[in-house]
């Protein structure tokens, strides 16, 4: 894979709510990346083996992002390093993509791959799972009806929704967003956090789009813009 990265280049690693700093140390023959251990305010932030993280880097043409899995942590001399493997296509993001817009719309959710299964897959295997389970009718982890959820907010980079199901972090989901009657779209997302504020309340699921087509991302951004205009007109 062509990473378009150079040695020593800065990477932003998103771990939970923290935006950590790292840099590229080596690109191995196997295609993995050796990076310095991510730090937040000069403190190293631990990552578990197999855990998925979002990685961002910058170019004059914009911001680029991918999902990576931690293969191992190791120490060389007095420094700590991580070996990571890219688990999603590299996508271009615009800064406006990260603007969250609070909106409540129906979201139908179903599982494409559980977190423990996804952690063992290569990029190619992950994409094949998405294709086979959506378009070829291959069995999914849970064949029951889709979970009927409601969005909390949405952006060009991801979605947050309320669900009765406690989807585990790093689970791959298929989400159908119903903007209006006869106006919906289906996207694949990776769960990055799952919280339940109080017992008995819905779980709040935060997820990032995976392998999203740019035309779909533009449709989401267009929806956000149109809804913002409507809100301003009410003032």
Protein backbone atom coordinates (compact mmCIF):
# COMPACT_ATOMS: atom_id res chain seq x y z
CA UNK A 1 0.00 0.00 0.00
CA UNK A 2 1.21 3.51 -0.84
CA UNK A 3 1.14 5.35 2.47
CA UNK A 4 2.38 8.69 1.13
CA UNK A 5 4.21 9.03 4.45
CA UNK A 6 7.84 9.89 5.18
CA UNK A 7 10.12 9.00 8.09
CA UNK A 8 9.81 11.38 11.00
CA UNK A 9 6.43 12.67 9.83
CA UNK A 10 3.97 13.69 12.52
CA UNK A 11 0.84 11.62 13.04
CA UNK A 12 -2.16 12.47 15.21
CA UNK A 13 -3.52 9.33 16.89
CA UNK A 14 -7.08 9.60 18.22
CA UNK A 15 -7.43 7.47 21.35
CA UNK A 16 -10.83 7.89 22.97
CA UNK A 17 -11.36 11.63 23.35
CA UNK A 18 -7.62 12.39 23.27
CA UNK A 19 -5.72 13.56 20.22
CA UNK A 20 -2.23 12.14 20.78
CA UNK A 21 1.00 12.92 18.94
CA UNK A 22 3.29 10.37 17.29
CA UNK A 23 5.62 10.17 14.30
CA UNK A 24 6.66 7.66 11.67
CA UNK A 25 9.85 5.72 12.52
CA UNK A 26 9.84 2.98 9.88
CA UNK A 27 7.75 1.43 7.10
CA UNK A 28 8.45 -2.31 7.21
CA UNK A 29 8.72 -4.72 4.30
CA UNK A 30 5.49 -6.32 5.49
CA UNK A 31 3.71 -3.00 5.01
CA UNK A 32 3.21 -2.16 8.69
CA UNK A 33 4.25 1.11 10.33
CA UNK A 34 6.60 1.57 13.28
CA UNK A 35 5.62 4.75 15.12
CA UNK A 36 6.70 6.38 18.35
CA UNK A 37 4.40 5.63 21.29
CA UNK A 38 1.53 8.18 21.17
CA UNK A 39 1.69 10.90 23.81
CA UNK A 40 -0.88 13.34 25.18
CA UNK A 41 0.55 16.41 26.89
CA UNK A 42 3.95 14.69 26.99
CA UNK A 43 2.53 11.59 28.72
CA UNK A 44 2.52 8.23 26.90
CA UNK A 45 -0.99 6.89 26.32
CA UNK A 46 -1.21 3.07 26.47
CA UNK A 47 -2.91 1.07 23.69
CA UNK A 48 -3.84 -2.60 23.96
CA UNK A 49 -2.67 -5.09 21.35
CA UNK A 50 -5.39 -5.50 18.74
CA UNK A 51 -7.01 -2.17 19.64
CA UNK A 52 -8.11 -0.01 16.70
CA UNK A 53 -7.26 3.70 16.58
CA UNK A 54 -7.85 6.53 14.12
CA UNK A 55 -4.70 8.08 12.64
CA UNK A 56 -4.64 11.51 10.95
CA UNK A 57 -1.92 13.21 8.91
CA UNK A 58 -1.81 16.43 6.96
CA UNK A 59 -1.04 17.59 3.42
CA UNK A 60 -1.45 20.94 1.68
CA UNK A 61 -4.50 19.44 -0.05
CA UNK A 62 -6.17 18.59 3.27
CA UNK A 63 -6.35 16.04 6.08
CA UNK A 64 -6.12 12.27 5.57
CA UNK A 65 -7.19 9.54 7.96
CA UNK A 66 -7.14 5.77 8.37
CA UNK A 67 -7.99 3.16 10.98
CA UNK A 68 -5.05 1.12 12.31
CA UNK A 69 -4.67 -1.84 14.67
CA UNK A 70 -1.88 -2.11 17.21
CA UNK A 71 0.20 -5.24 16.54
CA UNK A 72 2.71 -4.80 19.34
CA UNK A 73 4.45 -2.36 21.68
CA UNK A 74 8.18 -2.57 22.29
CA UNK A 75 11.06 -0.66 23.82
CA UNK A 76 14.34 0.15 22.06
CA UNK A 77 16.93 1.87 24.19
CA UNK A 78 14.98 4.27 26.37
CA UNK A 79 12.20 4.88 23.86
CA UNK A 80 8.88 3.10 23.39
CA UNK A 81 7.44 2.27 19.96
CA UNK A 82 4.31 0.76 18.42
CA UNK A 83 3.88 -1.36 15.32
CA UNK A 84 0.55 -0.72 13.63
CA UNK A 85 -1.27 -2.15 10.61
CA UNK A 86 -3.68 -0.11 8.51
CA UNK A 87 -7.15 -1.68 8.61
CA UNK A 88 -9.11 0.71 6.38
CA UNK A 89 -8.64 2.65 3.14
CA UNK A 90 -6.92 6.02 3.52
CA UNK A 91 -9.58 8.73 3.16
CA UNK A 92 -9.38 12.46 2.66
CA UNK A 93 -11.18 14.63 5.17
CA UNK A 94 -11.99 18.31 5.16
CA UNK A 95 -11.97 20.26 8.41
CA UNK A 96 -15.69 20.89 8.06
CA UNK A 97 -16.23 17.12 8.17
CA UNK A 98 -15.56 17.16 11.91
CA UNK A 99 -18.30 19.70 12.71
CA UNK A 100 -20.96 17.86 14.67
CA UNK A 101 -24.59 18.73 14.00
CA UNK A 102 -27.15 17.69 16.59
CA UNK A 103 -30.07 16.01 14.86
CA UNK A 104 -32.52 13.22 15.63
CA UNK A 105 -33.18 10.91 12.69
CA UNK A 106 -33.95 7.15 12.55
CA UNK A 107 -30.89 4.91 12.18
CA UNK A 108 -31.16 1.19 11.45
CA UNK A 109 -28.13 -0.69 12.73
CA UNK A 110 -26.86 -4.24 12.14
CA UNK A 111 -23.52 -5.92 12.90
CA UNK A 112 -21.14 -6.78 10.06
CA UNK A 113 -18.25 -8.05 12.21
CA UNK A 114 -17.64 -8.31 15.94
CA UNK A 115 -14.65 -6.53 17.46
CA UNK A 116 -12.65 -9.68 18.22
CA UNK A 117 -13.13 -10.99 14.67
CA UNK A 118 -12.30 -7.66 13.02
CA UNK A 119 -9.04 -7.30 14.96
CA UNK A 120 -7.66 -10.39 13.17
CA UNK A 121 -8.51 -9.19 9.64
CA UNK A 122 -6.37 -7.47 7.04
CA UNK A 123 -7.72 -4.51 5.04
CA UNK A 124 -8.64 -6.79 2.17
CA UNK A 125 -10.46 -9.23 4.46
CA UNK A 126 -12.38 -6.39 6.11
CA UNK A 127 -13.56 -5.03 2.77
CA UNK A 128 -14.52 -8.53 1.64
CA UNK A 129 -16.63 -9.01 4.77
CA UNK A 130 -18.46 -5.73 4.06
CA UNK A 131 -19.12 -6.75 0.45
CA UNK A 132 -20.11 -10.36 1.15
CA UNK A 133 -22.43 -9.65 4.06
CA UNK A 134 -24.15 -6.69 2.42
CA UNK A 135 -24.34 -7.68 -1.23
CA UNK A 136 -23.86 -11.47 -1.34
CA UNK A 137 -26.19 -12.36 1.50
CA UNK A 138 -23.59 -14.17 3.62
CA UNK A 139 -24.55 -14.72 7.28
CA UNK A 140 -23.93 -11.95 9.80
CA UNK A 141 -23.06 -12.33 13.51
CA UNK A 142 -26.64 -11.47 14.45
CA UNK A 143 -29.35 -12.33 11.92
CA UNK A 144 -32.18 -10.74 13.91
CA UNK A 145 -33.93 -7.60 12.71
CA UNK A 146 -31.91 -4.39 12.53
CA UNK A 147 -31.67 -2.37 15.72
CA UNK A 148 -33.95 0.69 15.50
CA UNK A 149 -31.91 3.61 16.85
CA UNK A 150 -32.00 7.42 16.87
CA UNK A 151 -29.10 9.70 15.99
CA UNK A 152 -27.74 12.20 18.53
CA UNK A 153 -25.44 14.06 16.18
CA UNK A 154 -23.84 13.57 12.78
CA UNK A 155 -20.83 14.87 10.87
CA UNK A 156 -18.89 14.20 7.69
CA UNK A 157 -16.59 11.95 9.71
CA UNK A 158 -18.97 9.91 11.82
CA UNK A 159 -22.19 9.59 13.78
CA UNK A 160 -23.35 9.30 17.37
CA UNK A 161 -26.59 7.49 18.11
CA UNK A 162 -28.67 6.13 21.00
CA UNK A 163 -29.24 2.38 21.10
CA UNK A 164 -30.63 -0.25 23.41
CA UNK A 165 -27.69 -2.45 22.35
CA UNK A 166 -24.25 -1.93 24.01
CA UNK A 167 -22.15 -2.23 20.86
CA UNK A 168 -18.54 -2.97 21.81
CA UNK A 169 -15.75 -0.66 20.76
CA UNK A 170 -14.16 -1.67 17.42
CA UNK A 171 -17.34 -3.44 16.20
CA UNK A 172 -18.05 -2.97 12.48
CA UNK A 173 -21.65 -1.89 11.86
CA UNK A 174 -23.90 -1.19 8.91
CA UNK A 175 -26.03 1.91 9.49
CA UNK A 176 -28.93 3.13 7.38
CA UNK A 177 -29.57 6.84 7.96
CA UNK A 178 -33.13 7.92 7.23
CA UNK A 179 -32.95 11.65 6.55
CA UNK A 180 -36.55 11.92 5.35
CA UNK A 181 -39.24 9.68 3.92
CA UNK A 182 -37.82 7.97 0.81
CA UNK A 183 -34.42 9.59 1.45
CA UNK A 184 -31.96 7.25 3.17
CA UNK A 185 -28.40 6.03 2.76
CA UNK A 186 -26.37 3.12 4.11
CA UNK A 187 -22.82 3.48 5.45
CA UNK A 188 -20.34 1.26 7.28
CA UNK A 189 -19.06 2.51 10.62
CA UNK A 190 -16.55 1.46 13.24
CA UNK A 191 -17.56 1.91 16.90
CA UNK A 192 -15.00 4.12 18.66
CA UNK A 193 -16.83 4.47 21.99
CA UNK A 194 -19.86 3.05 23.77
CA UNK A 195 -21.25 4.66 26.91
CA UNK A 196 -24.31 4.31 29.14
CA UNK A 197 -24.71 7.44 31.32
CA UNK A 198 -27.18 5.79 33.72
CA UNK A 199 -28.40 2.21 34.14
CA UNK A 200 -31.56 1.66 32.15
CA UNK A 201 -30.85 4.53 29.74
CA UNK A 202 -29.95 3.95 26.07
CA UNK A 203 -26.30 3.41 25.22
CA UNK A 204 -24.61 6.29 23.42
CA UNK A 205 -22.58 4.93 20.52
CA UNK A 206 -19.91 7.00 18.77
CA UNK A 207 -18.77 5.64 15.39
CA UNK A 208 -16.53 6.63 12.48
CA UNK A 209 -17.35 5.97 8.83
CA UNK A 210 -15.30 3.22 7.18
CA UNK A 211 -14.62 3.01 3.44
CA UNK A 212 -17.27 5.67 2.75
CA UNK A 213 -17.77 6.86 -0.82
CA UNK A 214 -17.14 10.58 -1.27
CA UNK A 215 -20.56 11.05 -2.87
CA UNK A 216 -22.13 9.74 0.35
CA UNK A 217 -19.97 11.97 2.51
CA UNK A 218 -20.99 14.96 0.39
CA UNK A 219 -24.64 13.96 0.82
CA UNK A 220 -24.22 13.99 4.61
CA UNK A 221 -22.49 17.39 4.54
CA UNK A 222 -25.25 18.72 2.26
CA UNK A 223 -27.88 17.48 4.72
CA UNK A 224 -26.10 19.21 7.62
CA UNK A 225 -25.83 22.46 5.66
CA UNK A 226 -29.50 22.39 4.65
CA UNK A 227 -30.63 21.73 8.24
CA UNK A 228 -28.41 24.54 9.55
CA UNK A 229 -30.00 26.93 7.04
CA UNK A 230 -33.46 25.87 8.21
CA UNK A 231 -32.50 26.55 11.82
CA UNK A 232 -31.17 30.03 10.99
CA UNK A 233 -34.38 30.88 9.11
CA UNK A 234 -36.40 30.12 12.25
CA UNK A 235 -34.50 32.76 14.26
